């Protein structure tokens, strides 16, 4: 299972922290004003479907 985290950043913005396939952590800024929009953008960026799996079949948990 892979884990991604929605980060609360200064100024009311959100970030995304996730591991790539090599186990390295990446952090990116999300263009979202609410947690719900940040979650939607994260799922879209990571290509996570309604069953919490990506295109490669990996299961994800977004915290």
PDB file of N, CA and C in Angstrom:
ATOM      1  N   UNK A   1       0.846  -1.176   0.000  1.00  0.00           N
ATOM      2  CA  UNK A   1       0.000   0.000   0.000  1.00  0.00           C
ATOM      3  C   UNK A   1       0.892   1.239   0.000  1.00  0.00           C
ATOM      4  N   UNK A   2       0.527   2.199  -0.822  1.00  0.00           N
ATOM      5  CA  UNK A   2       1.238   3.474  -0.866  1.00  0.00           C
ATOM      6  C   UNK A   2       0.444   4.502  -0.074  1.00  0.00           C
ATOM      7  N   UNK A   3       1.177   5.460   0.495  1.00  0.00           N
ATOM      8  CA  UNK A   3       0.532   6.479   1.323  1.00  0.00           C
ATOM      9  C   UNK A   3       0.851   7.864   0.781  1.00  0.00           C
ATOM     10  N   UNK A   4      -0.173   8.681   0.709  1.00  0.00           N
ATOM     11  CA  UNK A   4      -0.027  10.093   0.357  1.00  0.00           C
ATOM     12  C   UNK A   4      -0.645  10.902   1.492  1.00  0.00           C
ATOM     13  N   UNK A   5      -0.085  12.077   1.734  1.00  0.00           N
ATOM     14  CA  UNK A   5      -0.595  12.933   2.805  1.00  0.00           C
ATOM     15  C   UNK A   5      -0.933  14.312   2.251  1.00  0.00           C
ATOM     16  N   UNK A   6      -2.100  14.803   2.638  1.00  0.00           N
ATOM     17  CA  UNK A   6      -2.471  16.179   2.338  1.00  0.00           C
ATOM     18  C   UNK A   6      -1.882  17.031   3.458  1.00  0.00           C
ATOM     19  N   UNK A   7      -1.086  18.017   3.088  1.00  0.00           N
ATOM     20  CA  UNK A   7      -0.414  18.872   4.067  1.00  0.00           C
ATOM     21  C   UNK A   7      -1.089  20.232   4.131  1.00  0.00           C
ATOM     22  N   UNK A   8      -1.309  20.703   5.339  1.00  0.00           N
ATOM     23  CA  UNK A   8      -1.830  22.052   5.575  1.00  0.00           C
ATOM     24  C   UNK A   8      -0.640  23.002   5.541  1.00  0.00           C
ATOM     25  N   UNK A   9      -0.603  23.924   4.591  1.00  0.00           N
ATOM     26  CA  UNK A   9       0.522  24.837   4.476  1.00  0.00           C
ATOM     27  C   UNK A   9       0.103  26.247   4.864  1.00  0.00           C
ATOM     28  N   UNK A  10       1.103  27.093   5.074  1.00  0.00           N
ATOM     29  CA  UNK A  10       0.835  28.484   5.450  1.00  0.00           C
ATOM     30  C   UNK A  10       0.036  29.189   4.364  1.00  0.00           C
ATOM     31  N   UNK A  11      -0.762  30.148   4.788  1.00  0.00           N
ATOM     32  CA  UNK A  11      -1.526  30.942   3.837  1.00  0.00           C
ATOM     33  C   UNK A  11      -2.797  30.261   3.357  1.00  0.00           C
ATOM     34  N   UNK A  12      -3.205  29.189   4.025  1.00  0.00           N
ATOM     35  CA  UNK A  12      -4.447  28.524   3.650  1.00  0.00           C
ATOM     36  C   UNK A  12      -4.346  27.624   2.437  1.00  0.00           C
ATOM     37  N   UNK A  13      -3.130  27.274   2.032  1.00  0.00           N
ATOM     38  CA  UNK A  13      -2.977  26.386   0.879  1.00  0.00           C
ATOM     39  C   UNK A  13      -2.684  24.962   1.351  1.00  0.00           C
ATOM     40  N   UNK A  14      -2.655  24.050   0.402  1.00  0.00           N
ATOM     41  CA  UNK A  14      -2.438  22.644   0.708  1.00  0.00           C
ATOM     42  C   UNK A  14      -1.300  22.094  -0.133  1.00  0.00           C
ATOM     43  N   UNK A  15      -0.647  21.077   0.392  1.00  0.00           N
ATOM     44  CA  UNK A  15       0.409  20.387  -0.326  1.00  0.00           C
ATOM     45  C   UNK A  15       0.123  18.898  -0.337  1.00  0.00           C
ATOM     46  N   UNK A  16       0.884  18.176  -1.135  1.00  0.00           N
ATOM     47  CA  UNK A  16       0.754  16.727  -1.236  1.00  0.00           C
ATOM     48  C   UNK A  16       2.128  16.115  -1.062  1.00  0.00           C
ATOM     49  N   UNK A  17       2.247  15.168  -0.139  1.00  0.00           N
ATOM     50  CA  UNK A  17       3.481  14.413   0.061  1.00  0.00           C
ATOM     51  C   UNK A  17       3.186  12.966  -0.304  1.00  0.00           C
ATOM     52  N   UNK A  18       4.016  12.388  -1.166  1.00  0.00           N
ATOM     53  CA  UNK A  18       3.797  11.008  -1.593  1.00  0.00           C
ATOM     54  C   UNK A  18       5.127  10.363  -1.943  1.00  0.00           C
ATOM     55  N   UNK A  19       5.165   9.039  -1.924  1.00  0.00           N
ATOM     56  CA  UNK A  19       6.351   8.280  -2.308  1.00  0.00           C
ATOM     57  C   UNK A  19       6.230   7.875  -3.767  1.00  0.00           C
ATOM     58  N   UNK A  20       7.346   7.986  -4.488  1.00  0.00           N
ATOM     59  CA  UNK A  20       7.336   7.491  -5.860  1.00  0.00           C
ATOM     60  C   UNK A  20       7.621   5.993  -5.840  1.00  0.00           C
ATOM     61  N   UNK A  21       7.761   5.381  -6.982  1.00  0.00           N
ATOM     62  CA  UNK A  21       7.968   3.934  -7.044  1.00  0.00           C
ATOM     63  C   UNK A  21       9.326   3.509  -6.502  1.00  0.00           C
ATOM     64  N   UNK A  22      10.271   4.443  -6.370  1.00  0.00           N
ATOM     65  CA  UNK A  22      11.592   4.127  -5.828  1.00  0.00           C
ATOM     66  C   UNK A  22      11.672   4.394  -4.333  1.00  0.00           C
ATOM     67  N   UNK A  23      10.571   4.807  -3.727  1.00  0.00           N
ATOM     68  CA  UNK A  23      10.545   5.056  -2.289  1.00  0.00           C
ATOM     69  C   UNK A  23      10.997   6.447  -1.875  1.00  0.00           C
ATOM     70  N   UNK A  24      11.208   7.343  -2.831  1.00  0.00           N
ATOM     71  CA  UNK A  24      11.606   8.715  -2.504  1.00  0.00           C
ATOM     72  C   UNK A  24      10.366   9.568  -2.278  1.00  0.00           C
ATOM     73  N   UNK A  25      10.427  10.417  -1.257  1.00  0.00           N
ATOM     74  CA  UNK A  25       9.299  11.305  -0.958  1.00  0.00           C
ATOM     75  C   UNK A  25       9.331  12.524  -1.875  1.00  0.00           C
ATOM     76  N   UNK A  26       8.165  12.887  -2.337  1.00  0.00           N
ATOM     77  CA  UNK A  26       7.990  14.087  -3.145  1.00  0.00           C
ATOM     78  C   UNK A  26       6.934  14.954  -2.479  1.00  0.00           C
ATOM     79  N   UNK A  27       7.125  16.265  -2.570  1.00  0.00           N
ATOM     80  CA  UNK A  27       6.149  17.214  -2.035  1.00  0.00           C
ATOM     81  C   UNK A  27       5.810  18.191  -3.145  1.00  0.00           C
ATOM     82  N   UNK A  28       4.528  18.443  -3.314  1.00  0.00           N
ATOM     83  CA  UNK A  28       4.096  19.406  -4.321  1.00  0.00           C
ATOM     84  C   UNK A  28       2.961  20.245  -3.755  1.00  0.00           C
ATOM     85  N   UNK A  29       2.781  21.416  -4.320  1.00  0.00           N
ATOM     86  CA  UNK A  29       1.700  22.309  -3.915  1.00  0.00           C
ATOM     87  C   UNK A  29       0.449  21.944  -4.699  1.00  0.00           C
ATOM     88  N   UNK A  30      -0.678  21.934  -4.005  1.00  0.00           N
ATOM     89  CA  UNK A  30      -1.959  21.687  -4.661  1.00  0.00           C
ATOM     90  C   UNK A  30      -2.686  23.011  -4.849  1.00  0.00           C
ATOM     91  N   UNK A  31      -3.318  23.172  -5.982  1.00  0.00           N
ATOM     92  CA  UNK A  31      -4.070  24.387  -6.275  1.00  0.00           C
ATOM     93  C   UNK A  31      -5.507  24.184  -5.804  1.00  0.00           C
ATOM     94  N   UNK A  32      -5.696  24.272  -4.473  1.00  0.00           N
ATOM     95  CA  UNK A  32      -7.015  24.018  -3.890  1.00  0.00           C
ATOM     96  C   UNK A  32      -7.208  24.903  -2.667  1.00  0.00           C
ATOM     97  N   UNK A  33      -8.422  25.393  -2.493  1.00  0.00           N
ATOM     98  CA  UNK A  33      -8.732  26.274  -1.362  1.00  0.00           C
ATOM     99  C   UNK A  33      -9.350  25.520  -0.189  1.00  0.00           C
ATOM    100  N   UNK A  34      -9.848  24.302  -0.438  1.00  0.00           N
ATOM    101  CA  UNK A  34     -10.463  23.509   0.632  1.00  0.00           C
ATOM    102  C   UNK A  34      -9.818  22.125   0.665  1.00  0.00           C
ATOM    103  N   UNK A  35      -9.973  21.450   1.812  1.00  0.00           N
ATOM    104  CA  UNK A  35      -9.428  20.101   1.943  1.00  0.00           C
ATOM    105  C   UNK A  35     -10.063  19.158   0.921  1.00  0.00           C
ATOM    106  N   UNK A  36     -11.349  19.286   0.715  1.00  0.00           N
ATOM    107  CA  UNK A  36     -12.050  18.418  -0.233  1.00  0.00           C
ATOM    108  C   UNK A  36     -11.500  18.586  -1.648  1.00  0.00           C
ATOM    109  N   UNK A  37     -11.243  19.829  -2.055  1.00  0.00           N
ATOM    110  CA  UNK A  37     -10.661  20.075  -3.378  1.00  0.00           C
ATOM    111  C   UNK A  37      -9.226  19.561  -3.451  1.00  0.00           C
ATOM    112  N   UNK A  38      -8.479  19.693  -2.350  1.00  0.00           N
ATOM    113  CA  UNK A  38      -7.108  19.180  -2.305  1.00  0.00           C
ATOM    114  C   UNK A  38      -7.110  17.660  -2.463  1.00  0.00           C
ATOM    115  N   UNK A  39      -8.032  16.999  -1.800  1.00  0.00           N
ATOM    116  CA  UNK A  39      -8.151  15.548  -1.904  1.00  0.00           C
ATOM    117  C   UNK A  39      -8.491  15.131  -3.335  1.00  0.00           C
ATOM    118  N   UNK A  40      -9.419  15.834  -3.950  1.00  0.00           N
ATOM    119  CA  UNK A  40      -9.807  15.549  -5.343  1.00  0.00           C
ATOM    120  C   UNK A  40      -8.625  15.756  -6.295  1.00  0.00           C
ATOM    121  N   UNK A  41      -7.869  16.843  -6.091  1.00  0.00           N
ATOM    122  CA  UNK A  41      -6.724  17.120  -6.950  1.00  0.00           C
ATOM    123  C   UNK A  41      -5.631  16.070  -6.756  1.00  0.00           C
ATOM    124  N   UNK A  42      -5.399  15.658  -5.514  1.00  0.00           N
ATOM    125  CA  UNK A  42      -4.393  14.629  -5.228  1.00  0.00           C
ATOM    126  C   UNK A  42      -4.763  13.311  -5.904  1.00  0.00           C
ATOM    127  N   UNK A  43      -6.020  12.908  -5.787  1.00  0.00           N
ATOM    128  CA  UNK A  43      -6.473  11.660  -6.415  1.00  0.00           C
ATOM    129  C   UNK A  43      -6.317  11.733  -7.937  1.00  0.00           C
ATOM    130  N   UNK A  44      -6.611  12.888  -8.510  1.00  0.00           N
ATOM    131  CA  UNK A  44      -6.474  13.068  -9.949  1.00  0.00           C
ATOM    132  C   UNK A  44      -5.003  13.007 -10.364  1.00  0.00           C
ATOM    133  N   UNK A  45      -4.133  13.710  -9.643  1.00  0.00           N
ATOM    134  CA  UNK A  45      -2.709  13.737  -9.975  1.00  0.00           C
ATOM    135  C   UNK A  45      -2.098  12.338  -9.895  1.00  0.00           C
ATOM    136  N   UNK A  46      -2.450  11.593  -8.848  1.00  0.00           N
ATOM    137  CA  UNK A  46      -1.897  10.250  -8.651  1.00  0.00           C
ATOM    138  C   UNK A  46      -2.658   9.180  -9.431  1.00  0.00           C
ATOM    139  N   UNK A  47      -3.701   9.593 -10.160  1.00  0.00           N
ATOM    140  CA  UNK A  47      -4.530   8.704 -10.975  1.00  0.00           C
ATOM    141  C   UNK A  47      -5.129   7.574 -10.138  1.00  0.00           C
ATOM    142  N   UNK A  48      -5.687   7.950  -8.978  1.00  0.00           N
ATOM    143  CA  UNK A  48      -6.313   6.983  -8.078  1.00  0.00           C
ATOM    144  C   UNK A  48      -7.799   6.902  -8.412  1.00  0.00           C
ATOM    145  N   UNK A  49      -8.271   5.678  -8.639  1.00  0.00           N
ATOM    146  CA  UNK A  49      -9.677   5.492  -9.011  1.00  0.00           C
ATOM    147  C   UNK A  49     -10.567   5.382  -7.774  1.00  0.00           C
ATOM    148  N   UNK A  50     -11.835   5.137  -7.988  1.00  0.00           N
ATOM    149  CA  UNK A  50     -12.809   5.071  -6.890  1.00  0.00           C
ATOM    150  C   UNK A  50     -12.535   3.912  -5.932  1.00  0.00           C
ATOM    151  N   UNK A  51     -11.787   2.909  -6.395  1.00  0.00           N
ATOM    152  CA  UNK A  51     -11.437   1.761  -5.553  1.00  0.00           C
ATOM    153  C   UNK A  51     -10.084   1.938  -4.871  1.00  0.00           C
ATOM    154  N   UNK A  52      -9.552   3.162  -4.899  1.00  0.00           N
ATOM    155  CA  UNK A  52      -8.276   3.518  -4.255  1.00  0.00           C
ATOM    156  C   UNK A  52      -7.060   2.838  -4.870  1.00  0.00           C
ATOM    157  N   UNK A  53      -7.124   2.524  -6.160  1.00  0.00           N
ATOM    158  CA  UNK A  53      -5.982   1.938  -6.867  1.00  0.00           C
ATOM    159  C   UNK A  53      -5.561   2.868  -8.007  1.00  0.00           C
ATOM    160  N   UNK A  54      -4.254   2.844  -8.312  1.00  0.00           N
ATOM    161  CA  UNK A  54      -3.769   3.630  -9.441  1.00  0.00           C
ATOM    162  C   UNK A  54      -3.737   2.753 -10.691  1.00  0.00           C
ATOM    163  N   UNK A  55      -3.238   3.304 -11.786  1.00  0.00           N
ATOM    164  CA  UNK A  55      -3.227   2.592 -13.064  1.00  0.00           C
ATOM    165  C   UNK A  55      -2.356   1.338 -13.029  1.00  0.00           C
ATOM    166  N   UNK A  56      -1.354   1.303 -12.134  1.00  0.00           N
ATOM    167  CA  UNK A  56      -0.477   0.137 -12.009  1.00  0.00           C
ATOM    168  C   UNK A  56      -1.031  -0.917 -11.053  1.00  0.00           C
ATOM    169  N   UNK A  57      -2.180  -0.637 -10.449  1.00  0.00           N
ATOM    170  CA  UNK A  57      -2.791  -1.584  -9.529  1.00  0.00           C
ATOM    171  C   UNK A  57      -2.384  -1.406  -8.080  1.00  0.00           C
ATOM    172  N   UNK A  58      -1.569  -0.386  -7.791  1.00  0.00           N
ATOM    173  CA  UNK A  58      -1.156  -0.126  -6.410  1.00  0.00           C
ATOM    174  C   UNK A  58      -2.312   0.462  -5.620  1.00  0.00           C
ATOM    175  N   UNK A  59      -2.480   0.001  -4.398  1.00  0.00           N
ATOM    176  CA  UNK A  59      -3.515   0.551  -3.526  1.00  0.00           C
ATOM    177  C   UNK A  59      -2.942   1.753  -2.781  1.00  0.00           C
ATOM    178  N   UNK A  60      -3.753   2.816  -2.660  1.00  0.00           N
ATOM    179  CA  UNK A  60      -3.339   4.054  -2.013  1.00  0.00           C
ATOM    180  C   UNK A  60      -4.216   4.364  -0.813  1.00  0.00           C
ATOM    181  N   UNK A  61      -3.595   5.002   0.166  1.00  0.00           N
ATOM    182  CA  UNK A  61      -4.312   5.568   1.303  1.00  0.00           C
ATOM    183  C   UNK A  61      -3.907   7.034   1.369  1.00  0.00           C
ATOM    184  N   UNK A  62      -4.869   7.927   1.324  1.00  0.00           N
ATOM    185  CA  UNK A  62      -4.576   9.361   1.424  1.00  0.00           C
ATOM    186  C   UNK A  62      -5.002   9.827   2.799  1.00  0.00           C
ATOM    187  N   UNK A  63      -4.034  10.370   3.529  1.00  0.00           N
ATOM    188  CA  UNK A  63      -4.296  10.838   4.896  1.00  0.00           C
ATOM    189  C   UNK A  63      -4.438  12.338   4.920  1.00  0.00           C
TER     190      UNK A  63
END
